[in-house]
């Protein structure tokens, strides 16, 4: 796993939380929800290949 991925995830988390607070304070709860959902989907797209590799390694480990 690359350390840059961890920093990108942290940056997205900080950005999403700031945008979430700004949107909730202005009364736009629906947009805040969509920002949270977009941040979650972005991070999931980044980590899905690593999760797939993990399951492949576990499958090979128990196939021995």
PDB file of N, CA and C in Angstrom:
ATOM      1  N   UNK A   1       0.852  -1.181   0.000  1.00  0.00           N
ATOM      2  CA  UNK A   1       0.000   0.000   0.000  1.00  0.00           C
ATOM      3  C   UNK A   1       0.891   1.236   0.000  1.00  0.00           C
ATOM      4  N   UNK A   2       0.470   2.200  -0.725  1.00  0.00           N
ATOM      5  CA  UNK A   2       1.236   3.421  -0.870  1.00  0.00           C
ATOM      6  C   UNK A   2       0.809   4.434   0.191  1.00  0.00           C
ATOM      7  N   UNK A   3       1.788   5.134   0.769  1.00  0.00           N
ATOM      8  CA  UNK A   3       1.495   6.132   1.802  1.00  0.00           C
ATOM      9  C   UNK A   3       0.721   7.316   1.211  1.00  0.00           C
ATOM     10  N   UNK A   4       0.895   7.553  -0.092  1.00  0.00           N
ATOM     11  CA  UNK A   4       0.153   8.647  -0.734  1.00  0.00           C
ATOM     12  C   UNK A   4      -1.350   8.398  -0.708  1.00  0.00           C
ATOM     13  N   UNK A   5      -1.745   7.137  -0.775  1.00  0.00           N
ATOM     14  CA  UNK A   5      -3.166   6.802  -0.708  1.00  0.00           C
ATOM     15  C   UNK A   5      -3.751   7.214   0.641  1.00  0.00           C
ATOM     16  N   UNK A   6      -3.009   6.986   1.702  1.00  0.00           N
ATOM     17  CA  UNK A   6      -3.482   7.372   3.040  1.00  0.00           C
ATOM     18  C   UNK A   6      -3.627   8.888   3.137  1.00  0.00           C
ATOM     19  N   UNK A   7      -2.669   9.605   2.578  1.00  0.00           N
ATOM     20  CA  UNK A   7      -2.757  11.070   2.603  1.00  0.00           C
ATOM     21  C   UNK A   7      -3.917  11.582   1.751  1.00  0.00           C
ATOM     22  N   UNK A   8      -4.163  10.938   0.609  1.00  0.00           N
ATOM     23  CA  UNK A   8      -5.302  11.346  -0.225  1.00  0.00           C
ATOM     24  C   UNK A   8      -6.622  11.099   0.489  1.00  0.00           C
ATOM     25  N   UNK A   9      -6.729   9.958   1.171  1.00  0.00           N
ATOM     26  CA  UNK A   9      -7.953   9.655   1.907  1.00  0.00           C
ATOM     27  C   UNK A   9      -8.161  10.662   3.029  1.00  0.00           C
ATOM     28  N   UNK A  10      -7.087  11.007   3.724  1.00  0.00           N
ATOM     29  CA  UNK A  10      -7.193  12.005   4.792  1.00  0.00           C
ATOM     30  C   UNK A  10      -7.592  13.367   4.234  1.00  0.00           C
ATOM     31  N   UNK A  11      -7.029  13.740   3.100  1.00  0.00           N
ATOM     32  CA  UNK A  11      -7.369  15.033   2.492  1.00  0.00           C
ATOM     33  C   UNK A  11      -8.833  15.071   2.068  1.00  0.00           C
ATOM     34  N   UNK A  12      -9.321  13.980   1.505  1.00  0.00           N
ATOM     35  CA  UNK A  12     -10.731  13.930   1.116  1.00  0.00           C
ATOM     36  C   UNK A  12     -11.611  14.000   2.353  1.00  0.00           C
ATOM     37  N   UNK A  13     -11.219  13.310   3.416  1.00  0.00           N
ATOM     38  CA  UNK A  13     -11.996  13.365   4.655  1.00  0.00           C
ATOM     39  C   UNK A  13     -12.074  14.762   5.234  1.00  0.00           C
ATOM     40  N   UNK A  14     -10.958  15.466   5.237  1.00  0.00           N
ATOM     41  CA  UNK A  14     -10.949  16.845   5.753  1.00  0.00           C
ATOM     42  C   UNK A  14     -11.802  17.751   4.870  1.00  0.00           C
ATOM     43  N   UNK A  15     -11.636  17.622   3.558  1.00  0.00           N
ATOM     44  CA  UNK A  15     -12.401  18.465   2.636  1.00  0.00           C
ATOM     45  C   UNK A  15     -13.897  18.198   2.747  1.00  0.00           C
ATOM     46  N   UNK A  16     -14.278  16.936   2.837  1.00  0.00           N
ATOM     47  CA  UNK A  16     -15.690  16.589   2.950  1.00  0.00           C
ATOM     48  C   UNK A  16     -16.270  17.096   4.265  1.00  0.00           C
ATOM     49  N   UNK A  17     -15.520  16.978   5.351  1.00  0.00           N
ATOM     50  CA  UNK A  17     -16.052  17.447   6.632  1.00  0.00           C
ATOM     51  C   UNK A  17     -16.219  18.969   6.656  1.00  0.00           C
ATOM     52  N   UNK A  18     -15.292  19.696   6.048  1.00  0.00           N
ATOM     53  CA  UNK A  18     -15.419  21.161   5.990  1.00  0.00           C
ATOM     54  C   UNK A  18     -16.619  21.548   5.132  1.00  0.00           C
ATOM     55  N   UNK A  19     -16.732  20.923   3.958  1.00  0.00           N
ATOM     56  CA  UNK A  19     -17.877  21.230   3.096  1.00  0.00           C
ATOM     57  C   UNK A  19     -19.198  20.835   3.760  1.00  0.00           C
ATOM     58  N   UNK A  20     -19.173  19.724   4.480  1.00  0.00           N
ATOM     59  CA  UNK A  20     -20.373  19.280   5.175  1.00  0.00           C
ATOM     60  C   UNK A  20     -20.823  20.314   6.210  1.00  0.00           C
ATOM     61  N   UNK A  21     -19.894  20.814   6.992  1.00  0.00           N
ATOM     62  CA  UNK A  21     -20.236  21.810   8.011  1.00  0.00           C
ATOM     63  C   UNK A  21     -20.735  23.108   7.379  1.00  0.00           C
ATOM     64  N   UNK A  22     -20.089  23.529   6.300  1.00  0.00           N
ATOM     65  CA  UNK A  22     -20.514  24.769   5.632  1.00  0.00           C
ATOM     66  C   UNK A  22     -21.925  24.611   5.076  1.00  0.00           C
ATOM     67  N   UNK A  23     -22.179  23.482   4.428  1.00  0.00           N
ATOM     68  CA  UNK A  23     -23.497  23.285   3.836  1.00  0.00           C
ATOM     69  C   UNK A  23     -24.580  23.112   4.890  1.00  0.00           C
ATOM     70  N   UNK A  24     -24.274  22.440   5.981  1.00  0.00           N
ATOM     71  CA  UNK A  24     -25.283  22.281   7.033  1.00  0.00           C
ATOM     72  C   UNK A  24     -25.587  23.605   7.718  1.00  0.00           C
ATOM     73  N   UNK A  25     -24.592  24.441   7.904  1.00  0.00           N
ATOM     74  CA  UNK A  25     -24.823  25.738   8.534  1.00  0.00           C
ATOM     75  C   UNK A  25     -25.669  26.646   7.646  1.00  0.00           C
ATOM     76  N   UNK A  26     -25.559  26.462   6.337  1.00  0.00           N
ATOM     77  CA  UNK A  26     -26.359  27.289   5.434  1.00  0.00           C
ATOM     78  C   UNK A  26     -27.721  26.673   5.137  1.00  0.00           C
ATOM     79  N   UNK A  27     -28.035  25.544   5.766  1.00  0.00           N
ATOM     80  CA  UNK A  27     -29.344  24.951   5.608  1.00  0.00           C
ATOM     81  C   UNK A  27     -29.504  24.066   4.395  1.00  0.00           C
ATOM     82  N   UNK A  28     -28.425  23.640   3.820  1.00  0.00           N
ATOM     83  CA  UNK A  28     -28.483  22.785   2.630  1.00  0.00           C
ATOM     84  C   UNK A  28     -28.088  21.359   3.017  1.00  0.00           C
ATOM     85  N   UNK A  29     -28.959  20.710   3.745  1.00  0.00           N
ATOM     86  CA  UNK A  29     -28.666  19.375   4.243  1.00  0.00           C
ATOM     87  C   UNK A  29     -28.598  18.339   3.118  1.00  0.00           C
ATOM     88  N   UNK A  30     -29.390  18.517   2.071  1.00  0.00           N
ATOM     89  CA  UNK A  30     -29.376  17.556   0.966  1.00  0.00           C
ATOM     90  C   UNK A  30     -28.038  17.590   0.239  1.00  0.00           C
ATOM     91  N   UNK A  31     -27.522  18.787   0.001  1.00  0.00           N
ATOM     92  CA  UNK A  31     -26.220  18.891  -0.662  1.00  0.00           C
ATOM     93  C   UNK A  31     -25.105  18.367   0.232  1.00  0.00           C
ATOM     94  N   UNK A  32     -25.228  18.571   1.554  1.00  0.00           N
ATOM     95  CA  UNK A  32     -24.238  18.036   2.480  1.00  0.00           C
ATOM     96  C   UNK A  32     -24.220  16.518   2.426  1.00  0.00           C
ATOM     97  N   UNK A  33     -25.400  15.917   2.342  1.00  0.00           N
ATOM     98  CA  UNK A  33     -25.494  14.461   2.222  1.00  0.00           C
ATOM     99  C   UNK A  33     -24.843  13.989   0.928  1.00  0.00           C
ATOM    100  N   UNK A  34     -25.073  14.688  -0.168  1.00  0.00           N
ATOM    101  CA  UNK A  34     -24.484  14.309  -1.454  1.00  0.00           C
ATOM    102  C   UNK A  34     -22.966  14.463  -1.449  1.00  0.00           C
ATOM    103  N   UNK A  35     -22.456  15.477  -0.757  1.00  0.00           N
ATOM    104  CA  UNK A  35     -21.007  15.642  -0.643  1.00  0.00           C
ATOM    105  C   UNK A  35     -20.417  14.480   0.139  1.00  0.00           C
ATOM    106  N   UNK A  36     -21.088  14.076   1.217  1.00  0.00           N
ATOM    107  CA  UNK A  36     -20.613  12.920   1.985  1.00  0.00           C
ATOM    108  C   UNK A  36     -20.617  11.661   1.134  1.00  0.00           C
ATOM    109  N   UNK A  37     -21.667  11.468   0.374  1.00  0.00           N
ATOM    110  CA  UNK A  37     -21.773  10.295  -0.477  1.00  0.00           C
ATOM    111  C   UNK A  37     -20.700  10.301  -1.565  1.00  0.00           C
ATOM    112  N   UNK A  38     -20.452  11.451  -2.149  1.00  0.00           N
ATOM    113  CA  UNK A  38     -19.422  11.556  -3.191  1.00  0.00           C
ATOM    114  C   UNK A  38     -18.032  11.271  -2.620  1.00  0.00           C
ATOM    115  N   UNK A  39     -17.754  11.776  -1.436  1.00  0.00           N
ATOM    116  CA  UNK A  39     -16.467  11.499  -0.800  1.00  0.00           C
ATOM    117  C   UNK A  39     -16.297  10.028  -0.489  1.00  0.00           C
ATOM    118  N   UNK A  40     -17.352   9.395  -0.007  1.00  0.00           N
ATOM    119  CA  UNK A  40     -17.300   7.970   0.289  1.00  0.00           C
ATOM    120  C   UNK A  40     -17.061   7.155  -0.977  1.00  0.00           C
ATOM    121  N   UNK A  41     -17.770   7.479  -2.048  1.00  0.00           N
ATOM    122  CA  UNK A  41     -17.596   6.749  -3.301  1.00  0.00           C
ATOM    123  C   UNK A  41     -16.200   6.937  -3.882  1.00  0.00           C
ATOM    124  N   UNK A  42     -15.664   8.132  -3.776  1.00  0.00           N
ATOM    125  CA  UNK A  42     -14.322   8.401  -4.275  1.00  0.00           C
ATOM    126  C   UNK A  42     -13.288   7.549  -3.537  1.00  0.00           C
ATOM    127  N   UNK A  43     -13.395   7.503  -2.226  1.00  0.00           N
ATOM    128  CA  UNK A  43     -12.454   6.712  -1.427  1.00  0.00           C
ATOM    129  C   UNK A  43     -12.654   5.220  -1.699  1.00  0.00           C
ATOM    130  N   UNK A  44     -13.878   4.787  -1.857  1.00  0.00           N
ATOM    131  CA  UNK A  44     -14.116   3.375  -2.168  1.00  0.00           C
ATOM    132  C   UNK A  44     -13.504   2.982  -3.504  1.00  0.00           C
ATOM    133  N   UNK A  45     -13.600   3.852  -4.502  1.00  0.00           N
ATOM    134  CA  UNK A  45     -12.985   3.551  -5.789  1.00  0.00           C
ATOM    135  C   UNK A  45     -11.469   3.437  -5.666  1.00  0.00           C
ATOM    136  N   UNK A  46     -10.885   4.193  -4.744  1.00  0.00           N
ATOM    137  CA  UNK A  46      -9.442   4.105  -4.548  1.00  0.00           C
ATOM    138  C   UNK A  46      -9.026   2.829  -3.837  1.00  0.00           C
ATOM    139  N   UNK A  47      -9.833   2.345  -2.886  1.00  0.00           N
ATOM    140  CA  UNK A  47      -9.389   1.209  -2.085  1.00  0.00           C
ATOM    141  C   UNK A  47      -9.933  -0.142  -2.544  1.00  0.00           C
ATOM    142  N   UNK A  48     -10.886  -0.166  -3.461  1.00  0.00           N
ATOM    143  CA  UNK A  48     -11.429  -1.445  -3.918  1.00  0.00           C
ATOM    144  C   UNK A  48     -10.354  -2.346  -4.521  1.00  0.00           C
ATOM    145  N   UNK A  49      -9.422  -1.843  -5.344  1.00  0.00           N
ATOM    146  CA  UNK A  49      -8.375  -2.747  -5.857  1.00  0.00           C
ATOM    147  C   UNK A  49      -7.530  -3.379  -4.747  1.00  0.00           C
ATOM    148  N   UNK A  50      -7.265  -2.643  -3.700  1.00  0.00           N
ATOM    149  CA  UNK A  50      -6.487  -3.190  -2.594  1.00  0.00           C
ATOM    150  C   UNK A  50      -7.282  -4.262  -1.841  1.00  0.00           C
ATOM    151  N   UNK A  51      -8.567  -4.058  -1.693  1.00  0.00           N
ATOM    152  CA  UNK A  51      -9.407  -5.058  -1.031  1.00  0.00           C
ATOM    153  C   UNK A  51      -9.483  -6.322  -1.893  1.00  0.00           C
ATOM    154  N   UNK A  52      -9.592  -6.149  -3.208  1.00  0.00           N
ATOM    155  CA  UNK A  52      -9.615  -7.297  -4.109  1.00  0.00           C
ATOM    156  C   UNK A  52      -8.306  -8.086  -4.006  1.00  0.00           C
ATOM    157  N   UNK A  53      -7.169  -7.373  -3.981  1.00  0.00           N
ATOM    158  CA  UNK A  53      -5.882  -8.050  -3.822  1.00  0.00           C
ATOM    159  C   UNK A  53      -5.796  -8.785  -2.494  1.00  0.00           C
ATOM    160  N   UNK A  54      -6.329  -8.190  -1.443  1.00  0.00           N
ATOM    161  CA  UNK A  54      -6.315  -8.837  -0.132  1.00  0.00           C
ATOM    162  C   UNK A  54      -7.100 -10.147  -0.165  1.00  0.00           C
ATOM    163  N   UNK A  55      -8.276 -10.139  -0.775  1.00  0.00           N
ATOM    164  CA  UNK A  55      -9.066 -11.363  -0.859  1.00  0.00           C
ATOM    165  C   UNK A  55      -8.380 -12.414  -1.720  1.00  0.00           C
ATOM    166  N   UNK A  56      -7.703 -11.993  -2.774  1.00  0.00           N
ATOM    167  CA  UNK A  56      -6.964 -12.949  -3.596  1.00  0.00           C
ATOM    168  C   UNK A  56      -5.818 -13.580  -2.809  1.00  0.00           C
ATOM    169  N   UNK A  57      -5.127 -12.801  -2.011  1.00  0.00           N
ATOM    170  CA  UNK A  57      -4.036 -13.328  -1.197  1.00  0.00           C
ATOM    171  C   UNK A  57      -4.574 -14.306  -0.149  1.00  0.00           C
ATOM    172  N   UNK A  58      -5.689 -13.958   0.465  1.00  0.00           N
ATOM    173  CA  UNK A  58      -6.281 -14.844   1.456  1.00  0.00           C
ATOM    174  C   UNK A  58      -6.761 -16.141   0.799  1.00  0.00           C
ATOM    175  N   UNK A  59      -7.331 -16.022  -0.392  1.00  0.00           N
ATOM    176  CA  UNK A  59      -7.785 -17.209  -1.093  1.00  0.00           C
ATOM    177  C   UNK A  59      -6.611 -18.120  -1.430  1.00  0.00           C
ATOM    178  N   UNK A  60      -5.501 -17.550  -1.896  1.00  0.00           N
ATOM    179  CA  UNK A  60      -4.311 -18.355  -2.194  1.00  0.00           C
ATOM    180  C   UNK A  60      -3.708 -18.954  -0.929  1.00  0.00           C
ATOM    181  N   UNK A  61      -3.782 -18.222   0.165  1.00  0.00           N
ATOM    182  CA  UNK A  61      -3.222 -18.706   1.419  1.00  0.00           C
ATOM    183  C   UNK A  61      -3.943 -19.948   1.905  1.00  0.00           C
ATOM    184  N   UNK A  62      -5.272 -19.939   1.836  1.00  0.00           N
ATOM    185  CA  UNK A  62      -6.037 -21.082   2.323  1.00  0.00           C
ATOM    186  C   UNK A  62      -6.147 -22.188   1.287  1.00  0.00           C
ATOM    187  N   UNK A  63      -5.750 -21.926   0.057  1.00  0.00           N
ATOM    188  CA  UNK A  63      -5.769 -22.973  -0.952  1.00  0.00           C
ATOM    189  C   UNK A  63      -4.577 -23.912  -0.811  1.00  0.00           C
ATOM    190  N   UNK A  64      -3.592 -23.508  -0.018  1.00  0.00           N
ATOM    191  CA  UNK A  64      -2.417 -24.361   0.178  1.00  0.00           C
ATOM    192  C   UNK A  64      -2.792 -25.476   1.046  1.00  0.00           C
TER     193      UNK A  64
END
